[in-house]
N, C-alpha and C. Protein backbone atom coordinates (compact mmCIF):
# COMPACT_ATOMS: atom_id res chain seq x y z
N MET A 1 -22.82 -7.95 -2.63
CA MET A 1 -21.40 -7.71 -2.77
C MET A 1 -21.15 -6.21 -2.89
N PRO A 2 -20.17 -5.69 -2.13
CA PRO A 2 -19.86 -4.26 -2.20
C PRO A 2 -19.37 -3.87 -3.59
N THR A 3 -19.69 -2.65 -3.97
CA THR A 3 -19.26 -2.14 -5.27
C THR A 3 -18.00 -1.29 -5.10
N ARG A 4 -17.33 -1.06 -6.19
CA ARG A 4 -16.16 -0.18 -6.17
C ARG A 4 -16.55 1.23 -5.74
N PHE A 5 -17.73 1.65 -6.19
CA PHE A 5 -18.22 2.98 -5.83
C PHE A 5 -18.41 3.10 -4.32
N GLY A 6 -18.98 2.07 -3.70
CA GLY A 6 -19.17 2.06 -2.25
C GLY A 6 -17.84 2.12 -1.51
N TYR A 7 -16.87 1.37 -2.00
CA TYR A 7 -15.53 1.37 -1.41
C TYR A 7 -14.91 2.76 -1.50
N GLU A 8 -15.04 3.39 -2.65
CA GLU A 8 -14.44 4.70 -2.86
C GLU A 8 -15.12 5.78 -2.01
N ILE A 9 -16.42 5.65 -1.78
CA ILE A 9 -17.11 6.60 -0.89
C ILE A 9 -16.52 6.51 0.51
N LEU A 10 -16.38 5.28 1.01
CA LEU A 10 -15.81 5.11 2.34
C LEU A 10 -14.37 5.60 2.40
N ARG A 11 -13.57 5.20 1.42
CA ARG A 11 -12.14 5.50 1.44
C ARG A 11 -11.84 6.97 1.18
N ASP A 12 -12.58 7.59 0.27
CA ASP A 12 -12.25 8.96 -0.14
C ASP A 12 -13.03 10.05 0.58
N HIS A 13 -14.14 9.68 1.23
CA HIS A 13 -14.96 10.71 1.86
C HIS A 13 -15.21 10.47 3.35
N VAL A 14 -15.59 9.25 3.70
CA VAL A 14 -15.90 8.97 5.10
C VAL A 14 -14.64 8.95 5.96
N LEU A 15 -13.65 8.12 5.57
CA LEU A 15 -12.43 8.02 6.39
C LEU A 15 -11.70 9.36 6.55
N PRO A 16 -11.50 10.13 5.49
CA PRO A 16 -10.81 11.42 5.69
C PRO A 16 -11.54 12.35 6.66
N SER A 17 -12.88 12.33 6.62
CA SER A 17 -13.61 13.22 7.53
C SER A 17 -13.53 12.73 8.97
N ILE A 18 -13.45 11.43 9.18
CA ILE A 18 -13.34 10.89 10.54
C ILE A 18 -11.91 11.02 11.06
N LEU A 19 -10.93 10.69 10.23
CA LEU A 19 -9.54 10.63 10.68
C LEU A 19 -8.83 11.98 10.65
N GLY A 20 -9.32 12.89 9.85
CA GLY A 20 -8.76 14.25 9.80
C GLY A 20 -7.30 14.26 9.38
N PRO A 21 -6.51 15.14 10.00
CA PRO A 21 -5.12 15.30 9.58
C PRO A 21 -4.24 14.09 9.89
N ASN A 22 -4.74 13.17 10.69
CA ASN A 22 -3.96 11.96 11.02
C ASN A 22 -4.29 10.78 10.12
N GLU A 23 -5.04 11.03 9.07
CA GLU A 23 -5.50 9.95 8.19
C GLU A 23 -4.38 9.05 7.70
N SER A 24 -3.33 9.62 7.16
CA SER A 24 -2.25 8.84 6.58
C SER A 24 -1.58 7.94 7.62
N ASP A 25 -1.29 8.50 8.79
CA ASP A 25 -0.64 7.72 9.85
C ASP A 25 -1.54 6.59 10.35
N ILE A 26 -2.81 6.90 10.56
CA ILE A 26 -3.74 5.89 11.06
C ILE A 26 -3.91 4.78 10.03
N LEU A 27 -4.03 5.14 8.76
CA LEU A 27 -4.17 4.12 7.72
C LEU A 27 -2.91 3.26 7.62
N TYR A 28 -1.73 3.86 7.79
CA TYR A 28 -0.49 3.10 7.75
C TYR A 28 -0.48 2.02 8.84
N TRP A 29 -0.81 2.43 10.07
CA TRP A 29 -0.83 1.47 11.17
C TRP A 29 -1.96 0.46 11.02
N SER A 30 -3.06 0.88 10.40
CA SER A 30 -4.15 -0.06 10.11
C SER A 30 -3.70 -1.09 9.08
N GLY A 31 -2.94 -0.66 8.10
CA GLY A 31 -2.40 -1.59 7.10
C GLY A 31 -1.49 -2.61 7.74
N LYS A 32 -0.69 -2.19 8.71
CA LYS A 32 0.19 -3.12 9.43
C LYS A 32 -0.65 -4.14 10.21
N GLU A 33 -1.74 -3.67 10.81
CA GLU A 33 -2.62 -4.56 11.56
C GLU A 33 -3.31 -5.57 10.63
N ILE A 34 -3.74 -5.11 9.46
CA ILE A 34 -4.35 -6.02 8.48
C ILE A 34 -3.34 -7.09 8.08
N ALA A 35 -2.09 -6.70 7.91
CA ALA A 35 -1.04 -7.67 7.54
C ALA A 35 -0.85 -8.73 8.63
N ARG A 36 -1.01 -8.33 9.87
CA ARG A 36 -0.87 -9.31 10.97
C ARG A 36 -2.03 -10.29 10.97
N LYS A 37 -3.21 -9.81 10.59
CA LYS A 37 -4.40 -10.67 10.58
C LYS A 37 -4.51 -11.51 9.31
N PHE A 38 -3.90 -11.05 8.23
CA PHE A 38 -3.94 -11.75 6.95
C PHE A 38 -2.51 -11.93 6.43
N PRO A 39 -1.73 -12.76 7.09
CA PRO A 39 -0.32 -12.90 6.70
C PRO A 39 -0.16 -13.62 5.36
N ILE A 40 0.87 -13.22 4.65
CA ILE A 40 1.28 -13.97 3.48
C ILE A 40 2.55 -14.72 3.88
N PHE A 41 2.96 -15.68 3.09
CA PHE A 41 4.11 -16.50 3.47
C PHE A 41 5.31 -16.29 2.57
N ALA A 42 5.12 -15.53 1.50
CA ALA A 42 6.22 -15.17 0.60
C ALA A 42 5.88 -13.83 -0.03
N ILE A 43 6.89 -13.01 -0.25
CA ILE A 43 6.69 -11.68 -0.82
C ILE A 43 5.99 -11.74 -2.17
N ASP A 44 6.24 -12.78 -2.95
CA ASP A 44 5.62 -12.85 -4.28
C ASP A 44 4.10 -13.09 -4.21
N GLU A 45 3.54 -13.27 -3.01
CA GLU A 45 2.09 -13.39 -2.84
C GLU A 45 1.42 -12.02 -2.75
N LEU A 46 2.19 -10.95 -2.60
CA LEU A 46 1.61 -9.61 -2.46
C LEU A 46 0.67 -9.23 -3.61
N PRO A 47 1.07 -9.40 -4.88
CA PRO A 47 0.16 -9.02 -5.97
C PRO A 47 -1.19 -9.75 -5.91
N SER A 48 -1.18 -11.01 -5.56
CA SER A 48 -2.44 -11.76 -5.47
C SER A 48 -3.32 -11.21 -4.37
N PHE A 49 -2.72 -10.88 -3.22
CA PHE A 49 -3.50 -10.32 -2.13
C PHE A 49 -4.12 -8.99 -2.55
N PHE A 50 -3.34 -8.14 -3.21
CA PHE A 50 -3.85 -6.83 -3.63
C PHE A 50 -5.03 -6.98 -4.57
N ILE A 51 -4.96 -7.92 -5.48
CA ILE A 51 -6.09 -8.15 -6.39
C ILE A 51 -7.30 -8.63 -5.62
N GLU A 52 -7.10 -9.60 -4.74
CA GLU A 52 -8.22 -10.15 -3.96
C GLU A 52 -8.84 -9.09 -3.05
N ALA A 53 -8.02 -8.21 -2.49
CA ALA A 53 -8.52 -7.16 -1.61
C ALA A 53 -9.17 -6.00 -2.40
N GLY A 54 -9.00 -5.99 -3.72
CA GLY A 54 -9.55 -4.92 -4.53
C GLY A 54 -8.72 -3.65 -4.49
N TRP A 55 -7.45 -3.79 -4.11
CA TRP A 55 -6.57 -2.63 -4.00
C TRP A 55 -5.89 -2.27 -5.31
N GLY A 56 -5.96 -3.13 -6.31
CA GLY A 56 -5.35 -2.83 -7.59
C GLY A 56 -4.29 -3.83 -8.00
N LEU A 57 -3.67 -3.56 -9.14
CA LEU A 57 -2.65 -4.42 -9.71
C LEU A 57 -1.27 -3.96 -9.23
N LEU A 58 -0.62 -4.80 -8.43
CA LEU A 58 0.68 -4.48 -7.85
C LEU A 58 1.77 -5.22 -8.62
N THR A 59 2.77 -4.46 -9.10
CA THR A 59 3.84 -5.04 -9.89
C THR A 59 5.19 -4.58 -9.33
N LEU A 60 6.08 -5.54 -9.11
CA LEU A 60 7.43 -5.20 -8.67
C LEU A 60 8.16 -4.56 -9.84
N GLU A 61 8.63 -3.34 -9.62
CA GLU A 61 9.29 -2.58 -10.68
C GLU A 61 10.81 -2.72 -10.62
N LYS A 62 11.36 -2.64 -9.40
CA LYS A 62 12.82 -2.62 -9.26
C LYS A 62 13.19 -3.12 -7.87
N THR A 63 14.33 -3.82 -7.79
CA THR A 63 14.84 -4.32 -6.52
C THR A 63 16.31 -3.95 -6.39
N THR A 64 16.68 -3.50 -5.19
CA THR A 64 18.09 -3.27 -4.87
C THR A 64 18.39 -4.03 -3.58
N LYS A 65 19.59 -3.85 -3.06
CA LYS A 65 19.98 -4.57 -1.84
C LYS A 65 19.12 -4.17 -0.64
N TYR A 66 18.70 -2.92 -0.58
CA TYR A 66 17.98 -2.41 0.58
C TYR A 66 16.58 -1.87 0.27
N GLU A 67 16.13 -1.99 -0.98
CA GLU A 67 14.86 -1.38 -1.37
C GLU A 67 14.16 -2.20 -2.46
N ASP A 68 12.84 -2.11 -2.45
CA ASP A 68 12.02 -2.59 -3.56
C ASP A 68 11.09 -1.45 -3.96
N PHE A 69 10.78 -1.39 -5.23
CA PHE A 69 9.85 -0.40 -5.75
C PHE A 69 8.73 -1.12 -6.48
N TYR A 70 7.50 -0.81 -6.09
CA TYR A 70 6.32 -1.40 -6.72
C TYR A 70 5.54 -0.31 -7.44
N ILE A 71 4.80 -0.74 -8.44
CA ILE A 71 3.83 0.11 -9.12
C ILE A 71 2.45 -0.45 -8.80
N LEU A 72 1.54 0.42 -8.37
CA LEU A 72 0.16 0.04 -8.11
C LEU A 72 -0.71 0.76 -9.11
N LYS A 73 -1.47 -0.02 -9.88
CA LYS A 73 -2.36 0.55 -10.89
C LYS A 73 -3.78 0.04 -10.67
N ASP A 74 -4.71 0.85 -11.12
CA ASP A 74 -6.12 0.51 -11.02
C ASP A 74 -6.84 1.30 -12.10
N ASN A 75 -7.99 0.83 -12.52
CA ASN A 75 -8.74 1.53 -13.56
C ASN A 75 -9.61 2.65 -13.03
N SER A 76 -9.68 2.83 -11.72
CA SER A 76 -10.60 3.82 -11.17
C SER A 76 -9.98 5.22 -11.16
N GLU A 77 -10.83 6.17 -10.88
CA GLU A 77 -10.45 7.59 -10.91
C GLU A 77 -9.44 7.95 -9.83
N TYR A 78 -9.42 7.23 -8.72
CA TYR A 78 -8.61 7.68 -7.60
C TYR A 78 -7.12 7.67 -7.88
N MET A 79 -6.65 6.95 -8.88
CA MET A 79 -5.22 6.96 -9.18
C MET A 79 -4.77 8.35 -9.62
N ASN A 80 -5.70 9.15 -10.13
CA ASN A 80 -5.35 10.51 -10.54
C ASN A 80 -5.47 11.50 -9.39
N SER A 81 -5.96 11.04 -8.25
CA SER A 81 -6.21 11.93 -7.12
C SER A 81 -4.95 12.19 -6.31
N GLN A 82 -4.65 13.44 -6.12
CA GLN A 82 -3.53 13.81 -5.26
C GLN A 82 -3.97 13.80 -3.80
N LYS A 83 -5.28 13.70 -3.55
CA LYS A 83 -5.81 13.75 -2.19
C LYS A 83 -5.65 12.43 -1.45
N ARG A 84 -5.82 11.33 -2.12
CA ARG A 84 -5.81 10.04 -1.42
C ARG A 84 -4.41 9.68 -0.95
N THR A 85 -4.36 9.19 0.27
CA THR A 85 -3.10 8.67 0.78
C THR A 85 -3.11 7.16 0.59
N PHE A 86 -1.96 6.58 0.48
CA PHE A 86 -1.86 5.13 0.28
C PHE A 86 -1.16 4.50 1.47
N GLY A 87 -1.43 5.06 2.64
CA GLY A 87 -0.87 4.55 3.88
C GLY A 87 -1.32 3.13 4.19
N LEU A 88 -2.57 2.80 3.90
CA LEU A 88 -3.08 1.46 4.17
C LEU A 88 -2.26 0.41 3.42
N GLU A 89 -2.09 0.63 2.14
CA GLU A 89 -1.34 -0.30 1.30
C GLU A 89 0.14 -0.33 1.71
N ALA A 90 0.70 0.84 1.99
CA ALA A 90 2.11 0.92 2.39
C ALA A 90 2.35 0.22 3.72
N GLY A 91 1.47 0.43 4.68
CA GLY A 91 1.60 -0.24 5.97
C GLY A 91 1.49 -1.75 5.85
N PHE A 92 0.58 -2.19 4.99
CA PHE A 92 0.41 -3.63 4.76
C PHE A 92 1.70 -4.24 4.20
N ILE A 93 2.26 -3.60 3.19
CA ILE A 93 3.50 -4.10 2.58
C ILE A 93 4.65 -4.08 3.59
N ALA A 94 4.80 -2.98 4.31
CA ALA A 94 5.89 -2.87 5.28
C ALA A 94 5.84 -3.99 6.30
N GLU A 95 4.66 -4.27 6.83
CA GLU A 95 4.54 -5.31 7.85
C GLU A 95 4.81 -6.70 7.29
N GLN A 96 4.35 -6.95 6.07
CA GLN A 96 4.60 -8.27 5.46
C GLN A 96 6.10 -8.48 5.24
N TYR A 97 6.78 -7.48 4.71
CA TYR A 97 8.23 -7.56 4.51
C TYR A 97 8.94 -7.78 5.84
N GLN A 98 8.54 -7.00 6.85
CA GLN A 98 9.19 -7.07 8.15
C GLN A 98 9.01 -8.46 8.75
N LYS A 99 7.82 -9.03 8.65
CA LYS A 99 7.55 -10.35 9.20
C LYS A 99 8.34 -11.43 8.46
N ILE A 100 8.37 -11.35 7.17
CA ILE A 100 9.04 -12.38 6.36
C ILE A 100 10.55 -12.27 6.45
N ASN A 101 11.09 -11.06 6.42
CA ASN A 101 12.54 -10.87 6.39
C ASN A 101 13.17 -10.68 7.76
N GLY A 102 12.38 -10.36 8.78
CA GLY A 102 12.89 -10.21 10.13
C GLY A 102 13.74 -8.99 10.38
N VAL A 103 13.56 -7.96 9.53
CA VAL A 103 14.30 -6.70 9.73
C VAL A 103 13.33 -5.53 9.65
N LEU A 104 13.69 -4.44 10.32
CA LEU A 104 12.87 -3.24 10.33
C LEU A 104 12.62 -2.77 8.90
N THR A 105 11.35 -2.55 8.56
CA THR A 105 10.98 -2.19 7.19
C THR A 105 9.94 -1.08 7.21
N GLU A 106 10.07 -0.14 6.28
CA GLU A 106 9.10 0.93 6.09
C GLU A 106 8.72 1.00 4.61
N CYS A 107 7.56 1.57 4.36
CA CYS A 107 7.09 1.72 2.98
C CYS A 107 6.29 3.02 2.89
N PHE A 108 6.37 3.68 1.75
CA PHE A 108 5.52 4.83 1.51
C PHE A 108 5.09 4.86 0.06
N GLY A 109 3.91 5.46 -0.16
CA GLY A 109 3.35 5.54 -1.50
C GLY A 109 3.34 6.96 -2.01
N GLU A 110 3.54 7.09 -3.30
CA GLU A 110 3.57 8.40 -3.93
C GLU A 110 2.84 8.33 -5.27
N VAL A 111 1.95 9.29 -5.50
CA VAL A 111 1.21 9.36 -6.76
C VAL A 111 2.15 9.85 -7.84
N LYS A 112 2.20 9.12 -8.96
CA LYS A 112 3.00 9.51 -10.12
C LYS A 112 2.04 9.67 -11.30
N THR A 113 2.06 10.83 -11.93
CA THR A 113 1.18 11.06 -13.07
C THR A 113 1.99 11.55 -14.26
N SER A 114 1.51 11.14 -15.42
CA SER A 114 2.06 11.64 -16.68
C SER A 114 0.88 11.80 -17.62
N LYS A 115 1.13 12.26 -18.81
CA LYS A 115 0.04 12.47 -19.77
C LYS A 115 -0.64 11.16 -20.15
N LYS A 116 0.10 10.07 -20.15
CA LYS A 116 -0.48 8.80 -20.58
C LYS A 116 -0.80 7.83 -19.45
N ASP A 117 -0.36 8.15 -18.22
CA ASP A 117 -0.46 7.15 -17.16
C ASP A 117 -0.57 7.82 -15.79
N ALA A 118 -1.24 7.14 -14.89
CA ALA A 118 -1.26 7.52 -13.48
C ALA A 118 -1.11 6.25 -12.67
N HIS A 119 -0.23 6.28 -11.70
CA HIS A 119 -0.04 5.11 -10.85
C HIS A 119 0.54 5.55 -9.51
N ILE A 120 0.61 4.60 -8.63
CA ILE A 120 1.21 4.84 -7.32
C ILE A 120 2.53 4.09 -7.29
N GLN A 121 3.58 4.76 -6.84
CA GLN A 121 4.83 4.06 -6.63
C GLN A 121 4.95 3.80 -5.13
N LEU A 122 5.12 2.54 -4.78
CA LEU A 122 5.30 2.15 -3.39
C LEU A 122 6.76 1.78 -3.18
N HIS A 123 7.42 2.51 -2.30
CA HIS A 123 8.85 2.37 -2.05
C HIS A 123 9.02 1.64 -0.72
N VAL A 124 9.60 0.45 -0.75
CA VAL A 124 9.83 -0.37 0.43
C VAL A 124 11.33 -0.28 0.75
N LYS A 125 11.63 0.02 2.01
CA LYS A 125 13.04 0.17 2.41
C LYS A 125 13.24 -0.56 3.74
N TRP A 126 14.34 -1.32 3.83
CA TRP A 126 14.61 -2.06 5.06
C TRP A 126 16.03 -1.81 5.51
N ASP A 127 16.25 -2.11 6.80
CA ASP A 127 17.56 -1.95 7.42
C ASP A 127 18.03 -3.32 7.89
N LEU A 128 19.00 -3.90 7.20
CA LEU A 128 19.48 -5.24 7.52
C LEU A 128 20.13 -5.31 8.91
N LYS A 129 20.52 -4.16 9.46
CA LYS A 129 21.16 -4.14 10.79
C LYS A 129 20.14 -4.13 11.92
N SER A 130 18.88 -3.81 11.61
CA SER A 130 17.85 -3.68 12.65
C SER A 130 16.93 -4.90 12.62
N LYS A 131 17.31 -5.92 13.34
CA LYS A 131 16.51 -7.15 13.43
C LYS A 131 15.27 -6.92 14.30
N VAL A 132 14.18 -7.55 13.94
CA VAL A 132 12.96 -7.47 14.75
C VAL A 132 12.55 -8.84 15.24
């Protein structure tokens, strides 16, 4: 069974060196492709998928008419890293929302740090006028 350390070596060192300056974009589109291959059937299944995939604890923080905000937490060091992009996770969420809701959807992740906490905020935004 792969270890967290092995995953972090691939994610934090191998992929950035291979993908270079296009890392974030490529990971975003890869996340969308993963969502197509591993579809969920309801948005509330996202946290379970994230746990099973080893991506961390995903919690819905806030919902508005056109946006959802999630918090992604994990016990590993990478949550404190300003270097890691979260395009893979963001692309996965965007594609799942788009498939389930049938409207154009985008998502992006941002590292949030404070003295007591570090987490990723994933911002999901959709356009109800743009049907897919």
